[in-house]
PDB file of N, CA and C in Angstrom:
ATOM      1  N   MET A   1       0.909  -1.349   0.041  1.00  0.00           N
ATOM      2  CA  MET A   1      -0.086   0.467  -0.403  1.00  0.00           C
ATOM      3  C   MET A   1       0.762   1.061  -0.104  1.00  0.00           C
ATOM      4  N   ASN A   2       0.374   2.007  -0.746  1.00  0.00           N
ATOM      5  CA  ASN A   2       1.355   3.397  -0.591  1.00  0.00           C
ATOM      6  C   ASN A   2       0.377   4.287  -0.146  1.00  0.00           C
ATOM      7  N   VAL A   3       1.152   4.272   1.601  1.00  0.00           N
ATOM      8  CA  VAL A   3       0.314   4.879   1.944  1.00  0.00           C
ATOM      9  C   VAL A   3       0.339   6.782   2.233  1.00  0.00           C
ATOM     10  N   ALA A   4       1.846   7.230   1.415  1.00  0.00           N
ATOM     11  CA  ALA A   4       2.217   8.907   1.381  1.00  0.00           C
ATOM     12  C   ALA A   4       1.266   9.438  -0.006  1.00  0.00           C
ATOM     13  N   LEU A   5       0.880   7.983  -0.796  1.00  0.00           N
ATOM     14  CA  LEU A   5      -0.192   8.741  -2.166  1.00  0.00           C
ATOM     15  C   LEU A   5      -1.579   8.937  -1.746  1.00  0.00           C
ATOM     16  N   LEU A   6      -2.129   7.906  -0.736  1.00  0.00           N
ATOM     17  CA  LEU A   6      -3.241   8.093   0.181  1.00  0.00           C
ATOM     18  C   LEU A   6      -3.318   9.442   0.949  1.00  0.00           C
ATOM     19  N   LYS A   7      -2.719   9.579   1.580  1.00  0.00           N
ATOM     20  CA  LYS A   7      -2.138  10.957   2.654  1.00  0.00           C
ATOM     21  C   LYS A   7      -2.463  11.865   1.535  1.00  0.00           C
ATOM     22  N   ALA A   8      -1.700  11.891   0.314  1.00  0.00           N
ATOM     23  CA  ALA A   8      -1.347  13.434  -0.210  1.00  0.00           C
ATOM     24  C   ALA A   8      -2.716  13.650  -1.225  1.00  0.00           C
ATOM     25  N   LYS A   9      -3.273  12.487  -1.753  1.00  0.00           N
ATOM     26  CA  LYS A   9      -5.003  12.663  -2.150  1.00  0.00           C
ATOM     27  C   LYS A   9      -5.608  12.965  -1.416  1.00  0.00           C
ATOM     28  N   ILE A  10      -5.623  12.668   0.179  1.00  0.00           N
ATOM     29  CA  ILE A  10      -6.658  13.310   1.506  1.00  0.00           C
ATOM     30  C   ILE A  10      -6.340  14.722   1.156  1.00  0.00           C
ATOM     31  N   VAL A  11      -5.147  15.309   1.567  1.00  0.00           N
ATOM     32  CA  VAL A  11      -4.772  16.633   1.135  1.00  0.00           C
ATOM     33  C   VAL A  11      -5.246  17.494   0.212  1.00  0.00           C
ATOM     34  N   GLU A  12      -5.218  16.851  -1.392  1.00  0.00           N
ATOM     35  CA  GLU A  12      -5.671  17.163  -2.633  1.00  0.00           C
ATOM     36  C   GLU A  12      -6.656  17.934  -2.118  1.00  0.00           C
ATOM     37  N   ASN A  13      -7.862  16.828  -1.937  1.00  0.00           N
ATOM     38  CA  ASN A  13      -9.244  17.178  -1.327  1.00  0.00           C
ATOM     39  C   ASN A  13      -9.682  17.794  -0.517  1.00  0.00           C
ATOM     40  N   GLY A  14      -8.355  18.393  -0.091  1.00  0.00           N
ATOM     41  CA  GLY A  14      -8.628  19.824   1.097  1.00  0.00           C
ATOM     42  C   GLY A  14      -9.826  19.275   2.562  1.00  0.00           C
ATOM     43  N   MET A  15      -9.083  18.094   2.868  1.00  0.00           N
ATOM     44  CA  MET A  15      -9.504  17.270   3.938  1.00  0.00           C
ATOM     45  C   MET A  15      -8.285  17.211   4.839  1.00  0.00           C
ATOM     46  N   THR A  16      -8.657  17.248   5.812  1.00  0.00           N
ATOM     47  CA  THR A  16      -7.864  16.416   7.465  1.00  0.00           C
ATOM     48  C   THR A  16      -7.888  14.622   7.248  1.00  0.00           C
ATOM     49  N   ILE A  17      -7.117  13.921   7.842  1.00  0.00           N
ATOM     50  CA  ILE A  17      -7.467  12.812   7.852  1.00  0.00           C
ATOM     51  C   ILE A  17      -8.665  12.506   9.092  1.00  0.00           C
ATOM     52  N   GLU A  18      -8.978  13.575  10.009  1.00  0.00           N
ATOM     53  CA  GLU A  18     -10.193  13.115  10.471  1.00  0.00           C
ATOM     54  C   GLU A  18     -11.622  13.403   9.789  1.00  0.00           C
ATOM     55  N   GLN A  19     -11.061  14.106   9.231  1.00  0.00           N
ATOM     56  CA  GLN A  19     -12.359  14.744   8.208  1.00  0.00           C
ATOM     57  C   GLN A  19     -12.258  13.786   7.226  1.00  0.00           C
ATOM     58  N   PHE A  20     -12.146  13.497   6.456  1.00  0.00           N
ATOM     59  CA  PHE A  20     -11.905  12.188   5.534  1.00  0.00           C
ATOM     60  C   PHE A  20     -12.420  10.946   6.230  1.00  0.00           C
ATOM     61  N   CYS A  21     -11.946  10.357   7.351  1.00  0.00           N
ATOM     62  CA  CYS A  21     -12.300   9.640   7.918  1.00  0.00           C
ATOM     63  C   CYS A  21     -13.882   9.604   8.302  1.00  0.00           C
ATOM     64  N   CYS A  22     -14.507  10.767   8.672  1.00  0.00           N
ATOM     65  CA  CYS A  22     -15.811  10.928   9.031  1.00  0.00           C
ATOM     66  C   CYS A  22     -16.543  10.973   7.417  1.00  0.00           C
ATOM     67  N   SER A  23     -16.206  11.400   6.561  1.00  0.00           N
ATOM     68  CA  SER A  23     -16.753  11.650   5.618  1.00  0.00           C
ATOM     69  C   SER A  23     -17.546   9.882   4.811  1.00  0.00           C
ATOM     70  N   ILE A  24     -16.344   9.240   5.271  1.00  0.00           N
ATOM     71  CA  ILE A  24     -16.453   7.690   4.912  1.00  0.00           C
ATOM     72  C   ILE A  24     -16.605   6.815   5.621  1.00  0.00           C
ATOM     73  N   GLY A  25     -17.124   7.225   7.228  1.00  0.00           N
ATOM     74  CA  GLY A  25     -17.798   6.505   8.012  1.00  0.00           C
ATOM     75  C   GLY A  25     -16.765   5.631   8.852  1.00  0.00           C
ATOM     76  N   MET A  26     -15.786   5.872   8.716  1.00  0.00           N
ATOM     77  CA  MET A  26     -14.592   4.829   9.509  1.00  0.00           C
ATOM     78  C   MET A  26     -13.990   5.954  10.851  1.00  0.00           C
ATOM     79  N   SER A  27     -13.509   5.045  11.456  1.00  0.00           N
ATOM     80  CA  SER A  27     -12.683   5.668  12.951  1.00  0.00           C
ATOM     81  C   SER A  27     -11.680   5.977  12.527  1.00  0.00           C
ATOM     82  N   THR A  28     -11.406   7.252  12.774  1.00  0.00           N
ATOM     83  CA  THR A  28      -9.999   6.938  12.634  1.00  0.00           C
ATOM     84  C   THR A  28      -9.139   6.412  13.164  1.00  0.00           C
ATOM     85  N   THR A  29      -9.318   5.733  14.011  1.00  0.00           N
ATOM     86  CA  THR A  29      -8.435   4.292  14.774  1.00  0.00           C
ATOM     87  C   THR A  29      -8.060   3.943  13.816  1.00  0.00           C
ATOM     88  N   SER A  30      -9.531   2.926  13.342  1.00  0.00           N
ATOM     89  CA  SER A  30      -9.290   2.195  12.220  1.00  0.00           C
ATOM     90  C   SER A  30      -8.435   2.337  11.469  1.00  0.00           C
ATOM     91  N   PHE A  31      -8.840   3.765  10.694  1.00  0.00           N
ATOM     92  CA  PHE A  31      -7.847   4.186   9.059  1.00  0.00           C
ATOM     93  C   PHE A  31      -6.107   3.930  10.059  1.00  0.00           C
ATOM     94  N   TRP A  32      -5.952   4.231  10.663  1.00  0.00           N
ATOM     95  CA  TRP A  32      -4.579   4.475  11.015  1.00  0.00           C
ATOM     96  C   TRP A  32      -3.611   3.122  11.020  1.00  0.00           C
ATOM     97  N   ARG A  33      -5.070   2.172  11.680  1.00  0.00           N
ATOM     98  CA  ARG A  33      -4.700   0.739  12.273  1.00  0.00           C
ATOM     99  C   ARG A  33      -4.213   0.059  10.755  1.00  0.00           C
ATOM    100  N   LYS A  34      -5.061   0.547   9.429  1.00  0.00           N
ATOM    101  CA  LYS A  34      -4.869   0.007   8.349  1.00  0.00           C
ATOM    102  C   LYS A  34      -3.456   0.648   7.810  1.00  0.00           C
ATOM    103  N   LEU A  35      -3.332   1.629   7.923  1.00  0.00           N
ATOM    104  CA  LEU A  35      -2.270   2.594   7.331  1.00  0.00           C
ATOM    105  C   LEU A  35      -0.567   2.098   7.804  1.00  0.00           C
ATOM    106  N   SER A  36      -1.226   1.394   9.153  1.00  0.00           N
ATOM    107  CA  SER A  36       0.542   1.178   9.303  1.00  0.00           C
ATOM    108  C   SER A  36       0.514  -0.372   9.429  1.00  0.00           C
ATOM    109  N   GLY A  37      -0.632  -0.905   8.687  1.00  0.00           N
ATOM    110  CA  GLY A  37      -0.203  -2.814   8.558  1.00  0.00           C
ATOM    111  C   GLY A  37      -0.772  -3.170   9.048  1.00  0.00           C
ATOM    112  N   LYS A  38      -1.291  -2.730  10.537  1.00  0.00           N
ATOM    113  CA  LYS A  38      -1.869  -4.123  11.598  1.00  0.00           C
ATOM    114  C   LYS A  38      -3.133  -4.628  11.019  1.00  0.00           C
ATOM    115  N   SER A  39      -3.602  -4.213  10.459  1.00  0.00           N
ATOM    116  CA  SER A  39      -5.199  -4.827   9.749  1.00  0.00           C
ATOM    117  C   SER A  39      -4.997  -4.211   8.055  1.00  0.00           C
ATOM    118  N   GLU A  40      -5.986  -4.856   7.237  1.00  0.00           N
ATOM    119  CA  GLU A  40      -5.997  -4.396   5.578  1.00  0.00           C
ATOM    120  C   GLU A  40      -7.228  -3.976   5.725  1.00  0.00           C
ATOM    121  N   PHE A  41      -7.570  -3.302   4.403  1.00  0.00           N
ATOM    122  CA  PHE A  41      -8.995  -2.523   3.668  1.00  0.00           C
ATOM    123  C   PHE A  41      -9.651  -3.541   3.321  1.00  0.00           C
ATOM    124  N   ASP A  42     -10.665  -3.822   3.723  1.00  0.00           N
ATOM    125  CA  ASP A  42     -11.251  -4.666   2.974  1.00  0.00           C
ATOM    126  C   ASP A  42     -12.010  -4.189   1.377  1.00  0.00           C
ATOM    127  N   ARG A  43     -12.791  -4.818   0.769  1.00  0.00           N
ATOM    128  CA  ARG A  43     -13.314  -3.962  -0.737  1.00  0.00           C
ATOM    129  C   ARG A  43     -14.053  -3.127  -0.508  1.00  0.00           C
ATOM    130  N   THR A  44     -15.219  -3.241   0.327  1.00  0.00           N
ATOM    131  CA  THR A  44     -15.819  -1.785   0.610  1.00  0.00           C
ATOM    132  C   THR A  44     -15.525  -0.738   1.088  1.00  0.00           C
ATOM    133  N   GLU A  45     -14.424  -0.622   2.089  1.00  0.00           N
ATOM    134  CA  GLU A  45     -13.392   0.045   2.891  1.00  0.00           C
ATOM    135  C   GLU A  45     -12.690   1.026   1.404  1.00  0.00           C
ATOM    136  N   MET A  46     -12.348  -0.230   0.491  1.00  0.00           N
ATOM    137  CA  MET A  46     -11.566   0.564  -0.808  1.00  0.00           C
ATOM    138  C   MET A  46     -12.470   1.465  -1.504  1.00  0.00           C
ATOM    139  N   SER A  47     -13.744   1.004  -1.806  1.00  0.00           N
ATOM    140  CA  SER A  47     -14.628   1.778  -2.352  1.00  0.00           C
ATOM    141  C   SER A  47     -15.196   3.236  -2.055  1.00  0.00           C
ATOM    142  N   SER A  48     -15.371   3.166  -0.763  1.00  0.00           N
ATOM    143  CA  SER A  48     -15.472   4.310   0.382  1.00  0.00           C
ATOM    144  C   SER A  48     -14.667   5.244  -0.158  1.00  0.00           C
ATOM    145  N   ILE A  49     -13.123   5.157   0.012  1.00  0.00           N
ATOM    146  CA  ILE A  49     -12.095   5.429   0.186  1.00  0.00           C
ATOM    147  C   ILE A  49     -11.887   6.170  -1.201  1.00  0.00           C
ATOM    148  N   ALA A  50     -12.200   5.402  -2.696  1.00  0.00           N
ATOM    149  CA  ALA A  50     -12.210   5.947  -4.109  1.00  0.00           C
ATOM    150  C   ALA A  50     -13.178   6.968  -4.104  1.00  0.00           C
ATOM    151  N   GLN A  51     -14.544   6.570  -3.642  1.00  0.00           N
ATOM    152  CA  GLN A  51     -15.508   7.234  -4.082  1.00  0.00           C
ATOM    153  C   GLN A  51     -15.039   8.902  -3.218  1.00  0.00           C
ATOM    154  N   GLY A  52     -14.648   9.123  -1.731  1.00  0.00           N
ATOM    155  CA  GLY A  52     -14.382   9.714  -1.161  1.00  0.00           C
ATOM    156  C   GLY A  52     -13.629  10.773  -1.474  1.00  0.00           C
ATOM    157  N   LEU A  53     -12.483   9.587  -2.332  1.00  0.00           N
ATOM    158  CA  LEU A  53     -11.351  10.988  -3.032  1.00  0.00           C
ATOM    159  C   LEU A  53     -11.569  11.238  -4.691  1.00  0.00           C
ATOM    160  N   HIS A  54     -12.618  10.610  -5.294  1.00  0.00           N
ATOM    161  CA  HIS A  54     -12.862  10.486  -6.606  1.00  0.00           C
ATOM    162  C   HIS A  54     -11.367  10.239  -7.110  1.00  0.00           C
ATOM    163  N   LEU A  55     -11.417   8.824  -7.201  1.00  0.00           N
ATOM    164  CA  LEU A  55     -10.274   8.174  -7.475  1.00  0.00           C
ATOM    165  C   LEU A  55     -10.564   7.408  -9.154  1.00  0.00           C
ATOM    166  N   THR A  56     -10.022   7.602  -9.699  1.00  0.00           N
ATOM    167  CA  THR A  56      -9.489   6.712 -10.687  1.00  0.00           C
ATOM    168  C   THR A  56      -8.916   5.177 -10.482  1.00  0.00           C
ATOM    169  N   HIS A  57      -9.226   4.475 -11.670  1.00  0.00           N
ATOM    170  CA  HIS A  57      -8.697   3.186 -11.546  1.00  0.00           C
ATOM    171  C   HIS A  57      -7.924   2.804 -11.295  1.00  0.00           C
ATOM    172  N   ALA A  58      -6.912   3.496 -11.885  1.00  0.00           N
ATOM    173  CA  ALA A  58      -5.319   3.589 -12.131  1.00  0.00           C
ATOM    174  C   ALA A  58      -4.740   4.044 -10.738  1.00  0.00           C
ATOM    175  N   GLU A  59      -5.355   4.997  -9.957  1.00  0.00           N
ATOM    176  CA  GLU A  59      -4.914   6.003  -8.860  1.00  0.00           C
ATOM    177  C   GLU A  59      -5.070   4.962  -7.581  1.00  0.00           C
ATOM    178  N   MET A  60      -6.609   3.755  -8.013  1.00  0.00           N
ATOM    179  CA  MET A  60      -6.340   2.781  -7.118  1.00  0.00           C
ATOM    180  C   MET A  60      -5.823   2.038  -6.855  1.00  0.00           C
ATOM    181  N   GLY A  61      -5.142   1.620  -8.231  1.00  0.00           N
ATOM    182  CA  GLY A  61      -4.097   0.402  -8.159  1.00  0.00           C
ATOM    183  C   GLY A  61      -2.868   1.174  -7.772  1.00  0.00           C
ATOM    184  N   ARG A  62      -2.242   2.407  -7.952  1.00  0.00           N
ATOM    185  CA  ARG A  62      -1.098   2.818  -7.329  1.00  0.00           C
ATOM    186  C   ARG A  62      -0.863   3.029  -6.151  1.00  0.00           C
ATOM    187  N   ILE A  63      -2.438   3.372  -4.986  1.00  0.00           N
ATOM    188  CA  ILE A  63      -2.191   3.367  -3.719  1.00  0.00           C
ATOM    189  C   ILE A  63      -2.624   2.182  -3.063  1.00  0.00           C
ATOM    190  N   PHE A  64      -3.477   0.760  -3.236  1.00  0.00           N
ATOM    191  CA  PHE A  64      -3.891  -0.222  -2.869  1.00  0.00           C
ATOM    192  C   PHE A  64      -3.064  -1.646  -3.482  1.00  0.00           C
ATOM    193  N   PHE A  65      -2.588  -1.334  -4.172  1.00  0.00           N
ATOM    194  CA  PHE A  65      -1.739  -2.286  -4.984  1.00  0.00           C
ATOM    195  C   PHE A  65      -0.234  -2.309  -6.255  1.00  0.00           C
ATOM    196  N   PRO A  66       0.438  -1.207  -5.289  1.00  0.00           N
ATOM    197  CA  PRO A  66       1.776  -0.794  -5.843  1.00  0.00           C
ATOM    198  C   PRO A  66       2.754  -1.642  -6.486  1.00  0.00           C
ATOM    199  N   GLU A  67       2.550  -2.868  -5.848  1.00  0.00           N
ATOM    200  CA  GLU A  67       3.516  -3.818  -5.806  1.00  0.00           C
ATOM    201  C   GLU A  67       3.237  -4.503  -7.071  1.00  0.00           C
ATOM    202  N   LEU A  68       1.817  -4.511  -7.717  1.00  0.00           N
ATOM    203  CA  LEU A  68       1.223  -5.119  -8.756  1.00  0.00           C
ATOM    204  C   LEU A  68       0.977  -4.090 -10.057  1.00  0.00           C
ATOM    205  N   VAL A  69       1.131  -2.834  -9.591  1.00  0.00           N
ATOM    206  CA  VAL A  69       1.066  -1.679 -10.562  1.00  0.00           C
ATOM    207  C   VAL A  69       2.145  -1.495 -11.144  1.00  0.00           C
ATOM    208  N   ALA A  70       3.473  -1.507 -10.537  1.00  0.00           N
ATOM    209  CA  ALA A  70       4.523  -0.930 -10.895  1.00  0.00           C
ATOM    210  C   ALA A  70       5.648  -1.744 -12.048  1.00  0.00           C
TER     211      ALA A  70
END
């Protein structure tokens, strides 16, 4: 997972992590746990993130599956 790119997309959309988490209905604790690799985003969460940040399929690939896209 490309954490830096995900954080950058949140900032590009004019939100803080807290605001973004609230907008997609996820607790900041869960979000940080997933960013740190202690748990993983499920498909529904990835979809919510993509919709919340208006990500293209290519951007989703670069964020969630960078080793497969590179």
